[in-house]
Amino acid sequence: MSDENGTQDTAGSPSGPRPEPLRFFGTTWVSHDNGYALRRIGVAVGSLAAGVASCLVLRFAYQGLQLADTGSFVTVLVVAMFAICSALAFRHTWEAFGKRPDPDRQASLRGLLAIGFVGSLAAYFFRSLTEAPGEKLHREEYETAREEYEKRSTRRTGNPSKKRRRK
């Protein structure tokens, strides 16, 4: 069995870099096969539906604050918190599609991203309209790895033990 380059290792399995699977897409993003378009449509519809449902839940929470008569300061504070956290989560999620996020920063932003989940869902929806979320980053990394592999494998031609020595 060989990969698209036709290379194999000695055990018969494909050699060289393998594409990293994406959530909901697996490795279909490489050649856009096996239902890639349907998966993108499903991800777009799913993230939009989840975003709308989340907004309805937030509306119920807002109505609960109104019924509790907590006062305008608390209401404004909660609405501002969700709006700001959603905007920051959108930006962070959108940037994560283009470059790998720092794990330490990701851990420190976990709470903010949880509060701003509507922003993350919106970013996922908008990105899935053009490509699989994270596809551009993974494709760049995969192409770079393939080019490096090709450079390494083409340099080594022939059996080095049969190489003629200069005297």
C-alpha atoms as a PDB file:
ATOM      1  CA  MET A   1       0.000   0.000   0.000  1.00  0.00           C
ATOM      2  CA  SER A   2       1.411   3.415  -0.875  1.00  0.00           C
ATOM      3  CA  ASP A   3       0.482   7.036  -0.229  1.00  0.00           C
ATOM      4  CA  GLU A   4      -0.201   9.650  -2.899  1.00  0.00           C
ATOM      5  CA  ASN A   5       3.551   9.954  -3.470  1.00  0.00           C
ATOM      6  CA  GLY A   6       3.883   6.197  -3.944  1.00  0.00           C
ATOM      7  CA  THR A   7       6.369   5.829  -1.098  1.00  0.00           C
ATOM      8  CA  GLN A   8       6.361   2.964   1.383  1.00  0.00           C
ATOM      9  CA  ASP A   9       8.420   1.925   4.324  1.00  0.00           C
ATOM     10  CA  THR A  10       9.772  -1.590   4.728  1.00  0.00           C
ATOM     11  CA  ALA A  11       6.691  -2.848   6.629  1.00  0.00           C
ATOM     12  CA  GLY A  12       4.411  -2.011   3.684  1.00  0.00           C
ATOM     13  CA  SER A  13       2.620   0.889   5.374  1.00  0.00           C
ATOM     14  CA  PRO A  14       2.753   4.393   3.878  1.00  0.00           C
ATOM     15  CA  SER A  15       5.785   6.411   4.858  1.00  0.00           C
ATOM     16  CA  GLY A  16       6.093  10.130   5.199  1.00  0.00           C
ATOM     17  CA  PRO A  17       3.929  12.648   6.998  1.00  0.00           C
ATOM     18  CA  ARG A  18       0.289  11.880   7.663  1.00  0.00           C
ATOM     19  CA  PRO A  19      -2.399  14.571   7.822  1.00  0.00           C
ATOM     20  CA  GLU A  20      -3.741  15.476  11.245  1.00  0.00           C
ATOM     21  CA  PRO A  21      -7.489  14.835  11.544  1.00  0.00           C
ATOM     22  CA  LEU A  22      -9.846  17.746  12.186  1.00  0.00           C
ATOM     23  CA  ARG A  23     -12.859  17.570  14.487  1.00  0.00           C
ATOM     24  CA  PHE A  24     -15.949  16.454  12.509  1.00  0.00           C
ATOM     25  CA  PHE A  25     -13.878  16.082   9.324  1.00  0.00           C
ATOM     26  CA  GLY A  26     -11.194  13.512  10.024  1.00  0.00           C
ATOM     27  CA  THR A  27      -8.744  13.666   7.137  1.00  0.00           C
ATOM     28  CA  THR A  28     -11.352  14.412   4.448  1.00  0.00           C
ATOM     29  CA  TRP A  29     -10.029  17.992   4.332  1.00  0.00           C
ATOM     30  CA  VAL A  30      -6.897  16.828   2.474  1.00  0.00           C
ATOM     31  CA  SER A  31      -8.599  16.012  -0.824  1.00  0.00           C
ATOM     32  CA  HIS A  32     -12.175  17.167  -0.038  1.00  0.00           C
ATOM     33  CA  ASP A  33     -13.639  13.683  -0.448  1.00  0.00           C
ATOM     34  CA  ASN A  34     -15.909  11.297   1.510  1.00  0.00           C
ATOM     35  CA  GLY A  35     -18.670  13.806   2.153  1.00  0.00           C
ATOM     36  CA  TYR A  36     -16.500  16.818   2.918  1.00  0.00           C
ATOM     37  CA  ALA A  37     -19.070  19.294   1.522  1.00  0.00           C
ATOM     38  CA  LEU A  38     -21.911  17.687   3.476  1.00  0.00           C
ATOM     39  CA  ARG A  39     -19.815  17.763   6.628  1.00  0.00           C
ATOM     40  CA  ARG A  40     -19.126  21.473   6.129  1.00  0.00           C
ATOM     41  CA  ILE A  41     -22.814  22.142   5.661  1.00  0.00           C
ATOM     42  CA  GLY A  42     -23.576  20.071   8.758  1.00  0.00           C
ATOM     43  CA  VAL A  43     -20.993  21.912  10.834  1.00  0.00           C
ATOM     44  CA  ALA A  44     -22.296  25.291   9.661  1.00  0.00           C
ATOM     45  CA  VAL A  45     -25.905  24.406  10.394  1.00  0.00           C
ATOM     46  CA  GLY A  46     -25.006  22.749  13.694  1.00  0.00           C
ATOM     47  CA  SER A  47     -22.931  25.647  14.978  1.00  0.00           C
ATOM     48  CA  LEU A  48     -25.599  28.140  13.901  1.00  0.00           C
ATOM     49  CA  ALA A  49     -28.330  26.107  15.616  1.00  0.00           C
ATOM     50  CA  ALA A  50     -26.233  25.778  18.768  1.00  0.00           C
ATOM     51  CA  GLY A  51     -25.582  29.538  18.713  1.00  0.00           C
ATOM     52  CA  VAL A  52     -29.274  30.345  18.357  1.00  0.00           C
ATOM     53  CA  ALA A  53     -30.191  27.902  21.146  1.00  0.00           C
ATOM     54  CA  SER A  54     -27.498  29.460  23.335  1.00  0.00           C
ATOM     55  CA  CYS A  55     -28.897  32.928  22.712  1.00  0.00           C
ATOM     56  CA  LEU A  56     -32.347  31.674  23.754  1.00  0.00           C
ATOM     57  CA  VAL A  57     -30.884  30.294  26.979  1.00  0.00           C
ATOM     58  CA  LEU A  58     -29.188  33.638  27.626  1.00  0.00           C
ATOM     59  CA  ARG A  59     -32.499  35.379  26.992  1.00  0.00           C
ATOM     60  CA  PHE A  60     -34.130  33.191  29.657  1.00  0.00           C
ATOM     61  CA  ALA A  61     -31.331  34.114  32.029  1.00  0.00           C
ATOM     62  CA  TYR A  62     -31.909  37.797  31.273  1.00  0.00           C
ATOM     63  CA  GLN A  63     -35.629  37.396  31.919  1.00  0.00           C
ATOM     64  CA  GLY A  64     -34.777  35.677  35.196  1.00  0.00           C
ATOM     65  CA  LEU A  65     -32.729  38.705  36.205  1.00  0.00           C
ATOM     66  CA  GLN A  66     -35.662  40.950  35.321  1.00  0.00           C
ATOM     67  CA  LEU A  67     -38.060  38.819  37.385  1.00  0.00           C
ATOM     68  CA  ALA A  68     -35.667  38.762  40.328  1.00  0.00           C
ATOM     69  CA  ASP A  69     -35.616  42.554  40.231  1.00  0.00           C
ATOM     70  CA  THR A  70     -31.880  42.648  40.864  1.00  0.00           C
ATOM     71  CA  GLY A  71     -31.584  46.182  39.615  1.00  0.00           C
ATOM     72  CA  SER A  72     -30.279  47.766  36.470  1.00  0.00           C
ATOM     73  CA  PHE A  73     -26.622  47.686  37.569  1.00  0.00           C
ATOM     74  CA  VAL A  74     -26.526  43.882  37.850  1.00  0.00           C
ATOM     75  CA  THR A  75     -28.459  43.484  34.598  1.00  0.00           C
ATOM     76  CA  VAL A  76     -26.088  45.783  32.707  1.00  0.00           C
ATOM     77  CA  LEU A  77     -23.094  44.072  34.283  1.00  0.00           C
ATOM     78  CA  VAL A  78     -24.262  40.580  33.223  1.00  0.00           C
ATOM     79  CA  VAL A  79     -25.152  41.687  29.686  1.00  0.00           C
ATOM     80  CA  ALA A  80     -21.807  43.481  29.309  1.00  0.00           C
ATOM     81  CA  MET A  81     -19.943  40.447  30.656  1.00  0.00           C
ATOM     82  CA  PHE A  82     -21.539  38.102  28.107  1.00  0.00           C
ATOM     83  CA  ALA A  83     -21.050  40.594  25.263  1.00  0.00           C
ATOM     84  CA  ILE A  84     -17.385  41.244  26.039  1.00  0.00           C
ATOM     85  CA  CYS A  85     -16.574  37.594  26.691  1.00  0.00           C
ATOM     86  CA  SER A  86     -18.337  36.567  23.472  1.00  0.00           C
ATOM     87  CA  ALA A  87     -16.361  39.124  21.468  1.00  0.00           C
ATOM     88  CA  LEU A  88     -13.073  37.973  23.009  1.00  0.00           C
ATOM     89  CA  ALA A  89     -13.979  34.312  22.498  1.00  0.00           C
ATOM     90  CA  PHE A  90     -14.832  35.003  18.846  1.00  0.00           C
ATOM     91  CA  ARG A  91     -11.472  36.676  18.281  1.00  0.00           C
ATOM     92  CA  HIS A  92      -9.531  33.978  20.107  1.00  0.00           C
ATOM     93  CA  THR A  93     -11.306  31.150  18.259  1.00  0.00           C
ATOM     94  CA  TRP A  94     -10.882  32.898  14.897  1.00  0.00           C
ATOM     95  CA  GLU A  95      -7.153  33.395  15.499  1.00  0.00           C
ATOM     96  CA  ALA A  96      -6.792  29.755  16.570  1.00  0.00           C
ATOM     97  CA  PHE A  97      -7.872  28.726  13.065  1.00  0.00           C
ATOM     98  CA  GLY A  98      -4.752  30.422  11.649  1.00  0.00           C
ATOM     99  CA  LYS A  99      -2.069  29.590  14.213  1.00  0.00           C
ATOM    100  CA  ARG A 100      -1.654  27.150  17.053  1.00  0.00           C
ATOM    101  CA  PRO A 101      -2.652  28.738  20.367  1.00  0.00           C
ATOM    102  CA  ASP A 102      -0.260  28.757  23.304  1.00  0.00           C
ATOM    103  CA  PRO A 103      -1.368  25.999  25.723  1.00  0.00           C
ATOM    104  CA  ASP A 104      -0.667  28.140  28.803  1.00  0.00           C
ATOM    105  CA  ARG A 105      -2.696  31.047  27.435  1.00  0.00           C
ATOM    106  CA  GLN A 106      -5.421  28.633  26.392  1.00  0.00           C
ATOM    107  CA  ALA A 107      -5.641  27.290  29.942  1.00  0.00           C
ATOM    108  CA  SER A 108      -5.787  30.772  31.434  1.00  0.00           C
ATOM    109  CA  LEU A 109      -8.601  31.784  29.046  1.00  0.00           C
ATOM    110  CA  ARG A 110     -10.709  28.689  29.680  1.00  0.00           C
ATOM    111  CA  GLY A 111     -13.218  30.539  31.881  1.00  0.00           C
ATOM    112  CA  LEU A 112     -13.532  33.461  29.513  1.00  0.00           C
ATOM    113  CA  LEU A 113     -14.079  31.108  26.577  1.00  0.00           C
ATOM    114  CA  ALA A 114     -16.735  29.213  28.531  1.00  0.00           C
ATOM    115  CA  ILE A 115     -18.636  32.422  29.284  1.00  0.00           C
ATOM    116  CA  GLY A 116     -18.250  33.649  25.703  1.00  0.00           C
ATOM    117  CA  PHE A 117     -19.345  30.377  24.112  1.00  0.00           C
ATOM    118  CA  VAL A 118     -21.698  32.231  21.736  1.00  0.00           C
ATOM    119  CA  GLY A 119     -18.698  33.994  20.181  1.00  0.00           C
ATOM    120  CA  SER A 120     -16.860  30.705  19.698  1.00  0.00           C
ATOM    121  CA  LEU A 121     -19.910  29.179  18.028  1.00  0.00           C
ATOM    122  CA  ALA A 122     -20.225  32.208  15.755  1.00  0.00           C
ATOM    123  CA  ALA A 123     -16.567  31.953  14.737  1.00  0.00           C
ATOM    124  CA  TYR A 124     -17.017  28.262  14.008  1.00  0.00           C
ATOM    125  CA  PHE A 125     -20.097  29.020  11.868  1.00  0.00           C
ATOM    126  CA  PHE A 126     -18.439  31.776   9.821  1.00  0.00           C
ATOM    127  CA  ARG A 127     -15.251  29.755   9.233  1.00  0.00           C
ATOM    128  CA  SER A 128     -17.210  26.682   8.139  1.00  0.00           C
ATOM    129  CA  LEU A 129     -18.795  28.745   5.347  1.00  0.00           C
ATOM    130  CA  THR A 130     -15.421  28.930   3.558  1.00  0.00           C
ATOM    131  CA  GLU A 131     -13.481  25.883   4.779  1.00  0.00           C
ATOM    132  CA  ALA A 132     -13.302  23.299   7.520  1.00  0.00           C
ATOM    133  CA  PRO A 133     -12.410  25.213  10.690  1.00  0.00           C
ATOM    134  CA  GLY A 134      -8.632  24.893  11.054  1.00  0.00           C
ATOM    135  CA  GLU A 135      -8.120  23.511   7.535  1.00  0.00           C
ATOM    136  CA  LYS A 136      -5.823  26.315   6.384  1.00  0.00           C
ATOM    137  CA  LEU A 137      -3.465  25.851   9.340  1.00  0.00           C
ATOM    138  CA  HIS A 138      -3.415  22.068   9.018  1.00  0.00           C
ATOM    139  CA  ARG A 139      -2.913  22.239   5.257  1.00  0.00           C
ATOM    140  CA  GLU A 140       0.077  24.586   5.636  1.00  0.00           C
ATOM    141  CA  GLU A 141       1.635  22.325   8.262  1.00  0.00           C
ATOM    142  CA  TYR A 142       0.962  19.199   6.197  1.00  0.00           C
ATOM    143  CA  GLU A 143       2.373  20.709   2.992  1.00  0.00           C
ATOM    144  CA  THR A 144       5.487  21.899   4.852  1.00  0.00           C
ATOM    145  CA  ALA A 145       5.967  18.444   6.372  1.00  0.00           C
ATOM    146  CA  ARG A 146       5.539  16.797   2.950  1.00  0.00           C
ATOM    147  CA  GLU A 147       8.067  19.166   1.335  1.00  0.00           C
ATOM    148  CA  GLU A 148      10.596  18.507   4.095  1.00  0.00           C
ATOM    149  CA  TYR A 149      10.027  14.771   3.771  1.00  0.00           C
ATOM    150  CA  GLU A 150      10.522  14.942   0.003  1.00  0.00           C
ATOM    151  CA  LYS A 151      13.784  16.879   0.465  1.00  0.00           C
ATOM    152  CA  ARG A 152      15.071  14.332   2.958  1.00  0.00           C
ATOM    153  CA  SER A 153      14.021  11.291   0.943  1.00  0.00           C
ATOM    154  CA  THR A 154      15.297  12.512  -2.451  1.00  0.00           C
ATOM    155  CA  ARG A 155      18.725  13.357  -1.047  1.00  0.00           C
ATOM    156  CA  ARG A 156      19.293   9.739  -0.122  1.00  0.00           C
ATOM    157  CA  THR A 157      19.500   7.859  -3.385  1.00  0.00           C
ATOM    158  CA  GLY A 158      21.173   4.538  -3.767  1.00  0.00           C
ATOM    159  CA  ASN A 159      22.968   2.376  -1.293  1.00  0.00           C
ATOM    160  CA  PRO A 160      25.605   4.383   0.603  1.00  0.00           C
ATOM    161  CA  SER A 161      27.747   1.295   1.206  1.00  0.00           C
ATOM    162  CA  LYS A 162      28.264   0.879  -2.551  1.00  0.00           C
ATOM    163  CA  LYS A 163      29.387   4.463  -2.918  1.00  0.00           C
ATOM    164  CA  ARG A 164      32.817   4.865  -4.543  1.00  0.00           C
ATOM    165  CA  ARG A 165      35.366   6.467  -2.311  1.00  0.00           C
ATOM    166  CA  ARG A 166      37.688   9.162  -3.653  1.00  0.00           C
ATOM    167  CA  LYS A 167      41.388   8.589  -3.115  1.00  0.00           C
END
